[in-house]
N, C-alpha and C. Protein backbone atom coordinates (compact mmCIF):
# COMPACT_ATOMS: atom_id res chain seq x y z
N MET A 1 17.00 9.07 0.62
CA MET A 1 16.24 7.84 0.69
C MET A 1 17.14 6.69 0.26
N ARG A 2 17.10 5.62 1.01
CA ARG A 2 17.88 4.45 0.69
C ARG A 2 17.07 3.55 -0.24
N TYR A 3 17.74 2.98 -1.22
CA TYR A 3 17.04 2.14 -2.19
C TYR A 3 17.14 0.67 -1.87
N VAL A 4 18.06 0.29 -0.97
CA VAL A 4 18.22 -1.10 -0.57
C VAL A 4 18.27 -1.14 0.95
N ILE A 5 17.53 -2.07 1.54
CA ILE A 5 17.48 -2.21 2.99
C ILE A 5 18.14 -3.54 3.36
N ASP A 6 19.00 -3.52 4.35
CA ASP A 6 19.70 -4.72 4.81
C ASP A 6 18.92 -5.34 5.96
N ILE A 7 18.36 -6.54 5.74
CA ILE A 7 17.63 -7.26 6.78
C ILE A 7 18.41 -8.52 7.10
N TYR A 8 19.16 -8.50 8.19
CA TYR A 8 19.98 -9.63 8.63
C TYR A 8 20.88 -10.16 7.52
N GLY A 9 21.51 -9.28 6.79
CA GLY A 9 22.45 -9.67 5.75
C GLY A 9 21.82 -9.88 4.38
N VAL A 10 20.51 -9.79 4.28
CA VAL A 10 19.82 -9.95 3.00
C VAL A 10 19.43 -8.57 2.49
N LEU A 11 19.89 -8.24 1.31
CA LEU A 11 19.57 -6.94 0.72
C LEU A 11 18.22 -7.02 0.01
N VAL A 12 17.30 -6.21 0.47
CA VAL A 12 15.93 -6.21 -0.07
C VAL A 12 15.66 -4.82 -0.65
N PRO A 13 15.13 -4.77 -1.88
CA PRO A 13 14.78 -3.47 -2.44
C PRO A 13 13.72 -2.78 -1.55
N ALA A 14 13.92 -1.51 -1.30
CA ALA A 14 13.01 -0.77 -0.43
C ALA A 14 11.59 -0.76 -1.01
N LEU A 15 11.47 -0.69 -2.32
CA LEU A 15 10.15 -0.65 -2.94
C LEU A 15 9.33 -1.90 -2.62
N LEU A 16 9.99 -3.05 -2.50
CA LEU A 16 9.28 -4.28 -2.16
C LEU A 16 8.63 -4.17 -0.78
N LEU A 17 9.34 -3.61 0.17
CA LEU A 17 8.77 -3.43 1.51
C LEU A 17 7.63 -2.43 1.50
N TRP A 18 7.77 -1.37 0.73
CA TRP A 18 6.69 -0.37 0.67
C TRP A 18 5.45 -0.95 -0.01
N ILE A 19 5.66 -1.81 -1.02
CA ILE A 19 4.52 -2.47 -1.68
C ILE A 19 3.79 -3.38 -0.72
N ILE A 20 4.52 -4.11 0.11
CA ILE A 20 3.89 -5.01 1.08
C ILE A 20 3.09 -4.21 2.10
N ILE A 21 3.64 -3.10 2.58
CA ILE A 21 2.93 -2.25 3.53
C ILE A 21 1.67 -1.67 2.89
N ALA A 22 1.77 -1.20 1.67
CA ALA A 22 0.60 -0.63 0.98
C ALA A 22 -0.45 -1.70 0.72
N TYR A 23 -0.03 -2.93 0.43
CA TYR A 23 -0.99 -4.02 0.20
C TYR A 23 -1.75 -4.35 1.47
N VAL A 24 -1.06 -4.39 2.60
CA VAL A 24 -1.73 -4.68 3.87
C VAL A 24 -2.73 -3.58 4.20
N LEU A 25 -2.32 -2.33 4.03
CA LEU A 25 -3.25 -1.22 4.27
C LEU A 25 -4.44 -1.27 3.32
N SER A 26 -4.19 -1.63 2.08
CA SER A 26 -5.27 -1.74 1.09
C SER A 26 -6.23 -2.87 1.46
N ALA A 27 -5.71 -3.98 1.93
CA ALA A 27 -6.57 -5.10 2.33
C ALA A 27 -7.44 -4.72 3.52
N LEU A 28 -6.87 -3.99 4.48
CA LEU A 28 -7.66 -3.54 5.63
C LEU A 28 -8.76 -2.58 5.18
N LEU A 29 -8.42 -1.66 4.29
CA LEU A 29 -9.40 -0.71 3.79
C LEU A 29 -10.50 -1.42 3.00
N ARG A 30 -10.11 -2.45 2.23
CA ARG A 30 -11.10 -3.23 1.48
C ARG A 30 -12.10 -3.90 2.41
N ARG A 31 -11.62 -4.47 3.50
CA ARG A 31 -12.52 -5.13 4.46
C ARG A 31 -13.46 -4.13 5.11
N ILE A 32 -12.96 -2.97 5.44
CA ILE A 32 -13.81 -1.94 6.04
C ILE A 32 -14.88 -1.52 5.05
N MET A 33 -14.50 -1.35 3.78
CA MET A 33 -15.48 -0.94 2.78
C MET A 33 -16.53 -2.03 2.55
N GLN A 34 -16.13 -3.30 2.59
CA GLN A 34 -17.09 -4.39 2.44
C GLN A 34 -18.05 -4.44 3.63
N ARG A 35 -17.49 -4.25 4.81
CA ARG A 35 -18.31 -4.35 6.03
C ARG A 35 -19.41 -3.29 6.05
N PHE A 36 -19.08 -2.08 5.62
CA PHE A 36 -20.06 -0.99 5.63
C PHE A 36 -20.76 -0.81 4.29
N ASP A 37 -20.58 -1.75 3.39
CA ASP A 37 -21.24 -1.77 2.09
C ASP A 37 -21.02 -0.48 1.29
N LEU A 38 -19.78 0.00 1.30
CA LEU A 38 -19.46 1.21 0.57
C LEU A 38 -19.15 0.94 -0.90
N TYR A 39 -18.98 -0.32 -1.26
CA TYR A 39 -18.70 -0.64 -2.65
C TYR A 39 -19.91 -0.41 -3.56
N ARG A 40 -21.07 -0.23 -2.99
CA ARG A 40 -22.25 0.04 -3.83
C ARG A 40 -22.15 1.43 -4.46
N LEU A 41 -21.27 2.29 -3.93
CA LEU A 41 -21.07 3.63 -4.48
C LEU A 41 -19.99 3.66 -5.56
N VAL A 42 -19.34 2.51 -5.79
CA VAL A 42 -18.21 2.44 -6.71
C VAL A 42 -18.66 1.82 -8.01
N TRP A 43 -18.24 2.43 -9.13
CA TRP A 43 -18.66 1.95 -10.44
C TRP A 43 -17.94 0.66 -10.83
N HIS A 44 -16.62 0.62 -10.69
CA HIS A 44 -15.83 -0.54 -11.10
C HIS A 44 -14.92 -0.91 -9.93
N ARG A 45 -15.27 -1.97 -9.23
CA ARG A 45 -14.60 -2.30 -7.97
C ARG A 45 -13.11 -2.58 -8.16
N ALA A 46 -12.73 -3.36 -9.16
CA ALA A 46 -11.32 -3.71 -9.35
C ALA A 46 -10.49 -2.47 -9.67
N LEU A 47 -11.02 -1.60 -10.50
CA LEU A 47 -10.30 -0.37 -10.85
C LEU A 47 -10.17 0.53 -9.63
N PHE A 48 -11.21 0.60 -8.83
CA PHE A 48 -11.17 1.41 -7.60
C PHE A 48 -10.15 0.85 -6.62
N ASP A 49 -10.12 -0.47 -6.45
CA ASP A 49 -9.15 -1.09 -5.55
C ASP A 49 -7.72 -0.82 -6.01
N PHE A 50 -7.49 -0.91 -7.31
CA PHE A 50 -6.15 -0.63 -7.84
C PHE A 50 -5.76 0.83 -7.61
N ALA A 51 -6.71 1.74 -7.83
CA ALA A 51 -6.42 3.16 -7.62
C ALA A 51 -6.11 3.46 -6.16
N VAL A 52 -6.85 2.82 -5.25
CA VAL A 52 -6.59 3.00 -3.82
C VAL A 52 -5.21 2.46 -3.48
N PHE A 53 -4.84 1.31 -4.04
CA PHE A 53 -3.52 0.73 -3.79
C PHE A 53 -2.41 1.66 -4.27
N VAL A 54 -2.57 2.23 -5.45
CA VAL A 54 -1.55 3.14 -6.00
C VAL A 54 -1.44 4.39 -5.13
N CYS A 55 -2.56 4.91 -4.68
CA CYS A 55 -2.52 6.09 -3.81
C CYS A 55 -1.86 5.77 -2.47
N LEU A 56 -2.17 4.62 -1.90
CA LEU A 56 -1.53 4.21 -0.65
C LEU A 56 -0.03 3.99 -0.84
N LEU A 57 0.35 3.38 -1.95
CA LEU A 57 1.76 3.15 -2.22
C LEU A 57 2.50 4.49 -2.34
N GLY A 58 1.90 5.44 -3.02
CA GLY A 58 2.51 6.77 -3.13
C GLY A 58 2.66 7.43 -1.77
N GLY A 59 1.65 7.28 -0.93
CA GLY A 59 1.72 7.85 0.42
C GLY A 59 2.78 7.19 1.27
N VAL A 60 2.88 5.88 1.18
CA VAL A 60 3.89 5.15 1.95
C VAL A 60 5.29 5.52 1.50
N VAL A 61 5.50 5.62 0.19
CA VAL A 61 6.82 6.00 -0.33
C VAL A 61 7.15 7.43 0.09
N TYR A 62 6.17 8.31 0.05
CA TYR A 62 6.40 9.70 0.46
C TYR A 62 6.77 9.77 1.94
N LEU A 63 6.06 9.02 2.79
CA LEU A 63 6.33 9.03 4.22
C LEU A 63 7.60 8.29 4.58
N SER A 64 8.08 7.41 3.71
CA SER A 64 9.30 6.66 4.01
C SER A 64 10.51 7.58 4.10
N GLU A 65 10.44 8.71 3.48
CA GLU A 65 11.55 9.65 3.54
C GLU A 65 11.75 10.15 4.97
N TYR A 66 10.66 10.26 5.72
CA TYR A 66 10.74 10.74 7.09
C TYR A 66 11.08 9.64 8.07
N LEU A 67 10.90 8.37 7.69
CA LEU A 67 11.17 7.25 8.58
C LEU A 67 12.63 6.84 8.58
N SER A 68 13.35 7.08 7.49
CA SER A 68 14.74 6.62 7.42
C SER A 68 15.72 7.71 7.75
């Protein structure tokens, strides 16, 4: 796994890109949950959103090994 990605001469930490991807996925999932009113099943919305983000980030980092 590479820890630094070169984007047109700018070295960007790989974790920053994975965080951005996980945030976008988390935002999409949040909208879907709001649309179908699934948050009524959640005890603490902010804690649940953070846990989903951490799980998505772990999945993205795990899958990044196969992409590079």
